[in-house]
Amino acid sequence: MPPKTKKAALADMLENLSKCDFDKFCSRLLDRREEPRVRRRQVEGKNFLQIADVLVSTFTEAGAVKVAVELLECANCGQEVEELVEVIAGLDSKPGTSDNKHFVDKHRIQLIERVSHMEPILDRLLEKGVLQEEAYNKIRALPTSQQKMRELYSGCLKAGAASKAIFYDILLKFEEFLIDDLKTNH
């Protein structure tokens, strides 16, 4: 049964890490220099459920996911990042809607109109293998962010849930306030 909350998704992800990767995750959590910071006593000797609690109570649910993704990437846990992002994206697409679309599909028009940090987004899509070099160069040559977004939707974002999940993860990093606004106001 899939998790019903982001906190449960975080706990599941942490439970599935190897002991070594869990230890790396906790170590990187303690090494974070950005505020708010997590204290050693909040982490040492704690299990995956307690660490999920610490993440959510320190960073809020949305912030905890963003921090977890950053820490997993630092620990070279790419598969876990993709799985977590896919689960979270599923939670963010509100069940009960008639078509149960992915977040990036439901908010296509708003994303096309409002995404502005295209260069780093395109760089990450290329790095993650969602975009190929030729498509990357073609999209970068387009003059406006709106045209670049339309081209993404007509190309690589048609590939399926995995490419959309990676795109969503990248949007969380570079368009955090936009994503938060779309989640709460649309």
N, C-alpha and C. Protein backbone atom coordinates (compact mmCIF):
# COMPACT_ATOMS: atom_id res chain seq x y z
N MET A 1 0.84 -1.18 0.00
CA MET A 1 0.00 0.00 0.00
C MET A 1 0.89 1.24 0.00
N PRO A 2 0.65 2.18 -0.93
CA PRO A 2 1.48 3.39 -0.99
C PRO A 2 1.24 4.28 0.23
N PRO A 3 2.27 5.06 0.61
CA PRO A 3 2.11 5.95 1.77
C PRO A 3 1.07 7.03 1.49
N LYS A 4 0.44 7.50 2.56
CA LYS A 4 -0.62 8.51 2.42
C LYS A 4 -0.11 9.91 2.70
N THR A 5 1.07 10.03 3.31
CA THR A 5 1.62 11.34 3.63
C THR A 5 3.08 11.42 3.19
N LYS A 6 3.57 12.64 3.10
CA LYS A 6 4.99 12.82 2.76
C LYS A 6 5.87 12.26 3.86
N LYS A 7 5.46 12.43 5.12
CA LYS A 7 6.23 11.89 6.23
C LYS A 7 6.34 10.37 6.13
N ALA A 8 5.24 9.70 5.78
CA ALA A 8 5.27 8.25 5.61
C ALA A 8 6.16 7.86 4.44
N ALA A 9 6.12 8.64 3.36
CA ALA A 9 6.98 8.37 2.20
C ALA A 9 8.45 8.52 2.59
N LEU A 10 8.77 9.54 3.38
CA LEU A 10 10.15 9.72 3.86
C LEU A 10 10.57 8.55 4.73
N ALA A 11 9.70 8.12 5.63
CA ALA A 11 10.02 7.00 6.52
C ALA A 11 10.25 5.73 5.70
N ASP A 12 9.41 5.48 4.70
CA ASP A 12 9.58 4.30 3.85
C ASP A 12 10.92 4.34 3.12
N MET A 13 11.25 5.52 2.58
CA MET A 13 12.51 5.67 1.86
C MET A 13 13.69 5.41 2.79
N LEU A 14 13.65 5.98 3.99
CA LEU A 14 14.74 5.80 4.95
C LEU A 14 14.86 4.33 5.37
N GLU A 15 13.73 3.68 5.54
CA GLU A 15 13.73 2.27 5.93
C GLU A 15 14.39 1.40 4.85
N ASN A 16 14.21 1.79 3.59
CA ASN A 16 14.74 1.00 2.48
C ASN A 16 16.23 1.25 2.19
N LEU A 17 16.81 2.27 2.83
CA LEU A 17 18.25 2.52 2.63
C LEU A 17 19.06 1.42 3.31
N SER A 18 20.22 1.12 2.73
CA SER A 18 21.14 0.20 3.40
C SER A 18 21.65 0.90 4.67
N LYS A 19 22.20 0.15 5.59
CA LYS A 19 22.74 0.74 6.83
C LYS A 19 23.78 1.80 6.49
N CYS A 20 24.65 1.49 5.54
CA CYS A 20 25.70 2.43 5.13
C CYS A 20 25.09 3.73 4.56
N ASP A 21 24.10 3.60 3.67
CA ASP A 21 23.47 4.78 3.08
C ASP A 21 22.67 5.57 4.12
N PHE A 22 22.02 4.87 5.06
CA PHE A 22 21.29 5.54 6.13
C PHE A 22 22.26 6.35 6.99
N ASP A 23 23.41 5.75 7.30
CA ASP A 23 24.43 6.46 8.09
C ASP A 23 24.95 7.69 7.34
N LYS A 24 25.18 7.55 6.02
CA LYS A 24 25.63 8.69 5.21
C LYS A 24 24.57 9.79 5.21
N PHE A 25 23.32 9.39 5.06
CA PHE A 25 22.21 10.34 5.05
C PHE A 25 22.20 11.14 6.36
N CYS A 26 22.30 10.42 7.48
CA CYS A 26 22.27 11.08 8.79
C CYS A 26 23.49 11.99 8.98
N SER A 27 24.63 11.54 8.52
CA SER A 27 25.85 12.34 8.63
C SER A 27 25.73 13.64 7.83
N ARG A 28 25.20 13.52 6.61
CA ARG A 28 25.01 14.71 5.77
C ARG A 28 23.94 15.64 6.34
N LEU A 29 22.96 15.07 7.00
CA LEU A 29 21.93 15.88 7.66
C LEU A 29 22.58 16.74 8.75
N LEU A 30 23.48 16.15 9.50
CA LEU A 30 24.18 16.89 10.55
C LEU A 30 25.16 17.92 9.98
N ASP A 31 25.71 17.63 8.80
CA ASP A 31 26.70 18.52 8.18
C ASP A 31 26.08 19.71 7.45
N ARG A 32 24.75 19.72 7.26
CA ARG A 32 24.10 20.84 6.57
C ARG A 32 24.43 22.14 7.26
N ARG A 33 24.76 23.16 6.48
CA ARG A 33 25.12 24.47 7.04
C ARG A 33 23.95 25.46 6.96
N GLU A 34 22.95 25.13 6.16
CA GLU A 34 21.81 26.04 6.01
C GLU A 34 20.90 25.91 7.24
N GLU A 35 20.22 27.01 7.55
CA GLU A 35 19.23 27.00 8.63
C GLU A 35 17.89 26.53 8.08
N PRO A 36 17.09 25.88 8.88
CA PRO A 36 17.36 25.45 10.25
C PRO A 36 18.30 24.24 10.25
N ARG A 37 19.09 24.15 11.30
CA ARG A 37 20.05 23.06 11.44
C ARG A 37 19.52 22.00 12.38
N VAL A 38 19.98 20.79 12.19
CA VAL A 38 19.59 19.67 13.03
C VAL A 38 20.73 19.40 14.01
N ARG A 39 20.39 19.22 15.25
CA ARG A 39 21.38 18.95 16.31
C ARG A 39 21.73 17.47 16.35
N ARG A 40 22.95 17.19 16.74
CA ARG A 40 23.45 15.82 16.82
C ARG A 40 22.55 14.94 17.70
N ARG A 41 22.10 15.45 18.82
CA ARG A 41 21.27 14.64 19.72
C ARG A 41 19.92 14.27 19.11
N GLN A 42 19.48 15.02 18.08
CA GLN A 42 18.23 14.70 17.41
C GLN A 42 18.39 13.52 16.45
N VAL A 43 19.64 13.19 16.09
CA VAL A 43 19.89 12.20 15.05
C VAL A 43 20.58 10.94 15.59
N GLU A 44 21.57 11.10 16.44
CA GLU A 44 22.37 9.96 16.88
C GLU A 44 21.53 8.89 17.56
N GLY A 45 21.71 7.65 17.08
CA GLY A 45 21.03 6.52 17.67
C GLY A 45 19.56 6.40 17.33
N LYS A 46 19.09 7.21 16.40
CA LYS A 46 17.67 7.21 16.05
C LYS A 46 17.41 6.28 14.87
N ASN A 47 16.17 5.73 14.82
CA ASN A 47 15.80 4.86 13.71
C ASN A 47 15.15 5.68 12.59
N PHE A 48 14.76 5.00 11.53
CA PHE A 48 14.22 5.69 10.35
C PHE A 48 12.94 6.47 10.66
N LEU A 49 12.08 5.94 11.54
CA LEU A 49 10.85 6.67 11.88
C LEU A 49 11.16 7.95 12.63
N GLN A 50 12.11 7.87 13.54
CA GLN A 50 12.49 9.05 14.32
C GLN A 50 13.17 10.10 13.45
N ILE A 51 13.98 9.66 12.49
CA ILE A 51 14.63 10.60 11.57
C ILE A 51 13.58 11.27 10.68
N ALA A 52 12.57 10.52 10.23
CA ALA A 52 11.49 11.13 9.45
C ALA A 52 10.77 12.19 10.29
N ASP A 53 10.54 11.90 11.56
CA ASP A 53 9.93 12.89 12.47
C ASP A 53 10.78 14.15 12.56
N VAL A 54 12.10 13.95 12.72
CA VAL A 54 13.02 15.09 12.84
C VAL A 54 12.96 15.93 11.56
N LEU A 55 12.99 15.28 10.41
CA LEU A 55 12.94 16.01 9.13
C LEU A 55 11.68 16.87 9.03
N VAL A 56 10.53 16.27 9.32
CA VAL A 56 9.27 16.99 9.16
C VAL A 56 9.12 18.08 10.22
N SER A 57 9.52 17.78 11.46
CA SER A 57 9.37 18.80 12.50
C SER A 57 10.35 19.96 12.32
N THR A 58 11.49 19.70 11.70
CA THR A 58 12.48 20.75 11.48
C THR A 58 12.20 21.56 10.23
N PHE A 59 11.80 20.89 9.15
CA PHE A 59 11.72 21.55 7.83
C PHE A 59 10.30 21.67 7.26
N THR A 60 9.28 21.19 7.93
CA THR A 60 7.91 21.02 7.41
C THR A 60 7.90 19.89 6.39
N GLU A 61 6.73 19.40 6.02
CA GLU A 61 6.67 18.27 5.09
C GLU A 61 7.31 18.60 3.74
N ALA A 62 6.94 19.73 3.16
CA ALA A 62 7.48 20.08 1.84
C ALA A 62 8.98 20.31 1.91
N GLY A 63 9.43 21.02 2.93
CA GLY A 63 10.86 21.28 3.09
C GLY A 63 11.64 20.01 3.38
N ALA A 64 11.04 19.09 4.14
CA ALA A 64 11.70 17.82 4.47
C ALA A 64 11.99 17.01 3.21
N VAL A 65 11.06 17.02 2.28
CA VAL A 65 11.27 16.29 1.02
C VAL A 65 12.43 16.91 0.25
N LYS A 66 12.45 18.23 0.17
CA LYS A 66 13.52 18.92 -0.55
C LYS A 66 14.88 18.61 0.08
N VAL A 67 14.96 18.68 1.42
CA VAL A 67 16.21 18.38 2.12
C VAL A 67 16.60 16.93 1.91
N ALA A 68 15.63 16.02 2.00
CA ALA A 68 15.93 14.59 1.81
C ALA A 68 16.48 14.33 0.41
N VAL A 69 15.90 14.96 -0.59
CA VAL A 69 16.38 14.79 -1.97
C VAL A 69 17.83 15.28 -2.08
N GLU A 70 18.11 16.45 -1.52
CA GLU A 70 19.49 17.00 -1.55
C GLU A 70 20.47 16.04 -0.87
N LEU A 71 20.10 15.53 0.30
CA LEU A 71 20.99 14.65 1.05
C LEU A 71 21.20 13.32 0.33
N LEU A 72 20.14 12.80 -0.26
CA LEU A 72 20.26 11.54 -1.01
C LEU A 72 21.16 11.72 -2.22
N GLU A 73 21.02 12.87 -2.89
CA GLU A 73 21.89 13.13 -4.05
C GLU A 73 23.35 13.23 -3.62
N CYS A 74 23.61 13.86 -2.47
CA CYS A 74 24.97 13.96 -1.95
C CYS A 74 25.54 12.59 -1.60
N ALA A 75 24.66 11.68 -1.18
CA ALA A 75 25.09 10.34 -0.80
C ALA A 75 25.09 9.38 -1.99
N ASN A 76 24.91 9.92 -3.20
CA ASN A 76 24.88 9.13 -4.43
C ASN A 76 23.80 8.05 -4.41
N CYS A 77 22.64 8.40 -3.91
CA CYS A 77 21.50 7.48 -3.86
C CYS A 77 20.48 7.89 -4.92
N GLY A 78 20.89 7.88 -6.17
CA GLY A 78 20.05 8.36 -7.27
C GLY A 78 18.74 7.60 -7.41
N GLN A 79 18.80 6.28 -7.28
CA GLN A 79 17.57 5.47 -7.40
C GLN A 79 16.56 5.86 -6.33
N GLU A 80 17.03 6.04 -5.12
CA GLU A 80 16.15 6.42 -4.02
C GLU A 80 15.54 7.80 -4.25
N VAL A 81 16.32 8.71 -4.83
CA VAL A 81 15.81 10.05 -5.15
C VAL A 81 14.64 9.92 -6.12
N GLU A 82 14.85 9.16 -7.19
CA GLU A 82 13.81 9.01 -8.20
C GLU A 82 12.55 8.39 -7.61
N GLU A 83 12.73 7.35 -6.78
CA GLU A 83 11.58 6.68 -6.18
C GLU A 83 10.83 7.62 -5.24
N LEU A 84 11.57 8.37 -4.41
CA LEU A 84 10.93 9.29 -3.47
C LEU A 84 10.17 10.38 -4.23
N VAL A 85 10.81 10.94 -5.23
CA VAL A 85 10.18 12.02 -6.01
C VAL A 85 8.91 11.50 -6.69
N GLU A 86 8.97 10.28 -7.21
CA GLU A 86 7.79 9.72 -7.87
C GLU A 86 6.65 9.52 -6.87
N VAL A 87 6.97 9.00 -5.69
CA VAL A 87 5.94 8.81 -4.66
C VAL A 87 5.35 10.15 -4.23
N ILE A 88 6.21 11.13 -4.00
CA ILE A 88 5.75 12.46 -3.56
C ILE A 88 4.91 13.11 -4.66
N ALA A 89 5.34 12.97 -5.90
CA ALA A 89 4.56 13.55 -7.00
C ALA A 89 3.17 12.90 -7.06
N GLY A 90 3.11 11.62 -6.77
CA GLY A 90 1.82 10.93 -6.71
C GLY A 90 0.95 11.46 -5.59
N LEU A 91 1.57 11.78 -4.46
CA LEU A 91 0.82 12.35 -3.34
C LEU A 91 0.35 13.76 -3.67
N ASP A 92 1.16 14.50 -4.41
CA ASP A 92 0.83 15.88 -4.75
C ASP A 92 -0.28 15.97 -5.79
N SER A 93 -0.43 14.92 -6.59
CA SER A 93 -1.56 14.93 -7.52
C SER A 93 -2.76 14.44 -6.73
N LYS A 94 -3.70 15.29 -6.56
CA LYS A 94 -4.80 15.03 -5.63
C LYS A 94 -5.64 13.85 -6.09
N PRO A 95 -5.69 12.76 -5.29
CA PRO A 95 -6.55 11.64 -5.64
C PRO A 95 -8.00 12.10 -5.63
N GLY A 96 -8.79 11.43 -6.42
CA GLY A 96 -10.20 11.79 -6.47
C GLY A 96 -10.53 12.68 -7.65
N THR A 97 -9.51 13.25 -8.29
CA THR A 97 -9.80 14.01 -9.50
C THR A 97 -10.11 12.99 -10.58
N SER A 98 -10.89 13.38 -11.55
CA SER A 98 -11.38 12.41 -12.51
C SER A 98 -10.26 11.74 -13.30
N ASP A 99 -9.19 12.43 -13.59
CA ASP A 99 -8.13 11.83 -14.40
C ASP A 99 -6.86 11.53 -13.59
N ASN A 100 -6.77 11.99 -12.37
CA ASN A 100 -5.62 11.74 -11.50
C ASN A 100 -4.29 12.01 -12.21
N LYS A 101 -4.19 13.16 -12.86
CA LYS A 101 -3.01 13.53 -13.63
C LYS A 101 -1.81 13.81 -12.73
N HIS A 102 -0.63 13.66 -13.30
CA HIS A 102 0.61 14.02 -12.62
C HIS A 102 0.61 15.53 -12.40
N PHE A 103 1.27 15.99 -11.35
CA PHE A 103 1.34 17.41 -11.01
C PHE A 103 1.75 18.27 -12.20
N VAL A 104 2.79 17.84 -12.94
CA VAL A 104 3.28 18.68 -14.05
C VAL A 104 2.29 18.72 -15.22
N ASP A 105 1.42 17.71 -15.31
CA ASP A 105 0.38 17.74 -16.33
C ASP A 105 -0.79 18.62 -15.89
N LYS A 106 -1.18 18.48 -14.63
CA LYS A 106 -2.30 19.27 -14.11
C LYS A 106 -2.02 20.77 -14.17
N HIS A 107 -0.76 21.14 -13.98
CA HIS A 107 -0.40 22.55 -13.90
C HIS A 107 0.39 23.02 -15.13
N ARG A 108 0.16 22.35 -16.22
CA ARG A 108 0.90 22.62 -17.45
C ARG A 108 0.85 24.11 -17.83
N ILE A 109 -0.33 24.67 -17.91
CA ILE A 109 -0.46 26.06 -18.36
C ILE A 109 0.26 27.02 -17.42
N GLN A 110 0.05 26.84 -16.11
CA GLN A 110 0.71 27.72 -15.14
C GLN A 110 2.23 27.56 -15.19
N LEU A 111 2.69 26.33 -15.35
CA LEU A 111 4.14 26.11 -15.44
C LEU A 111 4.72 26.76 -16.69
N ILE A 112 4.04 26.60 -17.82
CA ILE A 112 4.51 27.23 -19.06
C ILE A 112 4.59 28.74 -18.89
N GLU A 113 3.58 29.32 -18.27
CA GLU A 113 3.53 30.77 -18.11
C GLU A 113 4.50 31.31 -17.07
N ARG A 114 4.79 30.52 -16.01
CA ARG A 114 5.46 31.10 -14.85
C ARG A 114 6.87 30.59 -14.55
N VAL A 115 7.29 29.47 -15.10
CA VAL A 115 8.65 28.99 -14.84
C VAL A 115 9.63 29.95 -15.48
N SER A 116 10.64 30.37 -14.70
CA SER A 116 11.58 31.36 -15.23
C SER A 116 13.04 30.91 -15.21
N HIS A 117 13.40 29.96 -14.37
CA HIS A 117 14.80 29.53 -14.23
C HIS A 117 15.10 28.38 -15.18
N MET A 118 14.98 28.63 -16.47
CA MET A 118 15.07 27.56 -17.46
C MET A 118 16.46 26.97 -17.63
N GLU A 119 17.48 27.80 -17.59
CA GLU A 119 18.83 27.27 -17.87
C GLU A 119 19.25 26.18 -16.88
N PRO A 120 19.16 26.41 -15.55
CA PRO A 120 19.56 25.33 -14.65
C PRO A 120 18.62 24.12 -14.72
N ILE A 121 17.36 24.35 -15.05
CA ILE A 121 16.43 23.23 -15.20
C ILE A 121 16.84 22.37 -16.40
N LEU A 122 17.15 23.02 -17.51
CA LEU A 122 17.59 22.28 -18.70
C LEU A 122 18.90 21.55 -18.43
N ASP A 123 19.81 22.20 -17.72
CA ASP A 123 21.09 21.56 -17.39
C ASP A 123 20.87 20.27 -16.61
N ARG A 124 19.97 20.32 -15.61
CA ARG A 124 19.70 19.13 -14.77
C ARG A 124 18.99 18.04 -15.56
N LEU A 125 18.08 18.43 -16.47
CA LEU A 125 17.40 17.43 -17.30
C LEU A 125 18.39 16.72 -18.22
N LEU A 126 19.36 17.46 -18.73
CA LEU A 126 20.42 16.85 -19.55
C LEU A 126 21.26 15.92 -18.69
N GLU A 127 21.66 16.40 -17.53
CA GLU A 127 22.50 15.62 -16.62
C GLU A 127 21.83 14.31 -16.20
N LYS A 128 20.51 14.36 -15.99
CA LYS A 128 19.76 13.17 -15.54
C LYS A 128 19.36 12.26 -16.70
N GLY A 129 19.67 12.66 -17.94
CA GLY A 129 19.36 11.82 -19.09
C GLY A 129 17.94 11.95 -19.60
N VAL A 130 17.19 12.90 -19.08
CA VAL A 130 15.82 13.12 -19.55
C VAL A 130 15.86 13.80 -20.91
N LEU A 131 16.81 14.72 -21.09
CA LEU A 131 17.03 15.40 -22.37
C LEU A 131 18.30 14.87 -23.01
N GLN A 132 18.28 14.74 -24.31
CA GLN A 132 19.48 14.41 -25.05
C GLN A 132 20.14 15.71 -25.51
N GLU A 133 21.39 15.65 -25.85
CA GLU A 133 22.17 16.84 -26.22
C GLU A 133 21.52 17.66 -27.34
N GLU A 134 21.03 16.98 -28.36
CA GLU A 134 20.43 17.68 -29.49
C GLU A 134 19.18 18.46 -29.07
N ALA A 135 18.31 17.82 -28.29
CA ALA A 135 17.09 18.49 -27.81
C ALA A 135 17.45 19.63 -26.85
N TYR A 136 18.46 19.40 -26.02
CA TYR A 136 18.93 20.42 -25.08
C TYR A 136 19.36 21.68 -25.84
N ASN A 137 20.18 21.51 -26.87
CA ASN A 137 20.65 22.65 -27.66
C ASN A 137 19.51 23.35 -28.39
N LYS A 138 18.57 22.58 -28.91
CA LYS A 138 17.41 23.15 -29.61
C LYS A 138 16.57 23.99 -28.66
N ILE A 139 16.32 23.47 -27.48
CA ILE A 139 15.49 24.20 -26.51
C ILE A 139 16.21 25.44 -26.00
N ARG A 140 17.50 25.33 -25.71
CA ARG A 140 18.26 26.49 -25.22
C ARG A 140 18.26 27.63 -26.22
N ALA A 141 18.17 27.30 -27.51
CA ALA A 141 18.21 28.34 -28.55
C ALA A 141 16.90 29.12 -28.65
N LEU A 142 15.84 28.60 -28.06
CA LEU A 142 14.56 29.30 -28.12
C LEU A 142 14.63 30.58 -27.29
N PRO A 143 13.95 31.65 -27.74
CA PRO A 143 14.14 32.96 -27.09
C PRO A 143 13.42 33.16 -25.75
N THR A 144 12.30 32.49 -25.51
CA THR A 144 11.56 32.76 -24.27
C THR A 144 11.41 31.52 -23.41
N SER A 145 11.22 31.73 -22.13
CA SER A 145 10.98 30.62 -21.20
C SER A 145 9.72 29.85 -21.59
N GLN A 146 8.69 30.58 -22.04
CA GLN A 146 7.44 29.93 -22.42
C GLN A 146 7.65 28.98 -23.59
N GLN A 147 8.42 29.40 -24.58
CA GLN A 147 8.69 28.53 -25.72
C GLN A 147 9.51 27.31 -25.29
N LYS A 148 10.45 27.52 -24.40
CA LYS A 148 11.27 26.41 -23.90
C LYS A 148 10.41 25.40 -23.16
N MET A 149 9.49 25.89 -22.32
CA MET A 149 8.60 25.00 -21.58
C MET A 149 7.68 24.23 -22.53
N ARG A 150 7.13 24.91 -23.53
CA ARG A 150 6.26 24.22 -24.50
C ARG A 150 7.03 23.10 -25.21
N GLU A 151 8.26 23.38 -25.55
CA GLU A 151 9.08 22.37 -26.23
C GLU A 151 9.35 21.18 -25.30
N LEU A 152 9.59 21.44 -24.02
CA LEU A 152 9.76 20.34 -23.06
C LEU A 152 8.51 19.46 -23.02
N TYR A 153 7.35 20.11 -22.95
CA TYR A 153 6.10 19.35 -22.88
C TYR A 153 5.84 18.56 -24.16
N SER A 154 6.25 19.08 -25.30
CA SER A 154 6.00 18.36 -26.54
C SER A 154 7.07 17.30 -26.82
N GLY A 155 8.11 17.29 -26.00
CA GLY A 155 9.19 16.33 -26.20
C GLY A 155 9.36 15.38 -25.03
N CYS A 156 10.37 15.62 -24.24
CA CYS A 156 10.79 14.66 -23.21
C CYS A 156 9.75 14.40 -22.12
N LEU A 157 8.87 15.35 -21.88
CA LEU A 157 7.87 15.12 -20.82
C LEU A 157 6.73 14.22 -21.27
N LYS A 158 6.74 13.85 -22.54
CA LYS A 158 5.78 12.86 -23.03
C LYS A 158 6.27 11.44 -22.74
N ALA A 159 7.51 11.30 -22.28
CA ALA A 159 8.12 9.99 -22.11
C ALA A 159 7.51 9.18 -20.96
N GLY A 160 6.80 9.83 -20.05
CA GLY A 160 6.15 9.07 -18.99
C GLY A 160 6.43 9.59 -17.60
N ALA A 161 5.99 8.78 -16.63
CA ALA A 161 6.03 9.18 -15.22
C ALA A 161 7.44 9.43 -14.72
N ALA A 162 8.41 8.64 -15.16
CA ALA A 162 9.78 8.80 -14.65
C ALA A 162 10.36 10.16 -15.04
N SER A 163 10.17 10.56 -16.30
CA SER A 163 10.71 11.87 -16.73
C SER A 163 9.97 13.00 -16.03
N LYS A 164 8.67 12.84 -15.82
CA LYS A 164 7.89 13.86 -15.11
C LYS A 164 8.33 13.96 -13.65
N ALA A 165 8.63 12.83 -13.04
CA ALA A 165 9.06 12.82 -11.64
C ALA A 165 10.40 13.54 -11.49
N ILE A 166 11.31 13.31 -12.42
CA ILE A 166 12.61 13.99 -12.39
C ILE A 166 12.43 15.48 -12.61
N PHE A 167 11.57 15.84 -13.57
CA PHE A 167 11.28 17.24 -13.84
C PHE A 167 10.68 17.91 -12.60
N TYR A 168 9.75 17.23 -11.96
CA TYR A 168 9.13 17.75 -10.73
C TYR A 168 10.18 17.99 -9.64
N ASP A 169 11.09 17.04 -9.47
CA ASP A 169 12.17 17.18 -8.49
C ASP A 169 13.02 18.41 -8.78
N ILE A 170 13.34 18.62 -10.04
CA ILE A 170 14.14 19.78 -10.45
C ILE A 170 13.36 21.08 -10.21
N LEU A 171 12.07 21.06 -10.50
CA LEU A 171 11.23 22.24 -10.24
C LEU A 171 11.22 22.56 -8.75
N LEU A 172 11.18 21.54 -7.89
CA LEU A 172 11.20 21.77 -6.44
C LEU A 172 12.46 22.53 -6.03
N LYS A 173 13.55 22.28 -6.72
CA LYS A 173 14.81 22.95 -6.40
C LYS A 173 14.86 24.39 -6.90
N PHE A 174 14.43 24.60 -8.14
CA PHE A 174 14.64 25.89 -8.78
C PHE A 174 13.40 26.79 -8.84
N GLU A 175 12.24 26.22 -8.57
CA GLU A 175 11.00 27.00 -8.61
C GLU A 175 10.15 26.66 -7.38
N GLU A 176 10.81 26.59 -6.23
CA GLU A 176 10.16 26.16 -4.99
C GLU A 176 8.90 26.97 -4.67
N PHE A 177 8.99 28.30 -4.77
CA PHE A 177 7.85 29.14 -4.41
C PHE A 177 6.70 28.98 -5.40
N LEU A 178 7.02 28.82 -6.66
CA LEU A 178 6.00 28.58 -7.67
C LEU A 178 5.27 27.27 -7.38
N ILE A 179 6.01 26.21 -7.12
CA ILE A 179 5.40 24.90 -6.83
C ILE A 179 4.53 24.98 -5.61
N ASP A 180 5.03 25.62 -4.56
CA ASP A 180 4.22 25.80 -3.34
C ASP A 180 2.93 26.56 -3.64
N ASP A 181 3.03 27.60 -4.45
CA ASP A 181 1.84 28.38 -4.81
C ASP A 181 0.85 27.52 -5.61
N LEU A 182 1.33 26.73 -6.54
CA LEU A 182 0.44 25.89 -7.33
C LEU A 182 -0.23 24.83 -6.46
N LYS A 183 0.50 24.29 -5.51
CA LYS A 183 -0.08 23.28 -4.61
C LYS A 183 -1.19 23.87 -3.74
N THR A 184 -0.99 25.07 -3.26
CA THR A 184 -1.94 25.64 -2.32
C THR A 184 -3.07 26.42 -2.98
N ASN A 185 -2.85 26.99 -4.14
CA ASN A 185 -3.85 27.88 -4.73
C ASN A 185 -4.54 27.34 -5.98
N HIS A 186 -4.19 26.15 -6.41
CA HIS A 186 -4.82 25.66 -7.66
C HIS A 186 -5.30 24.26 -7.49
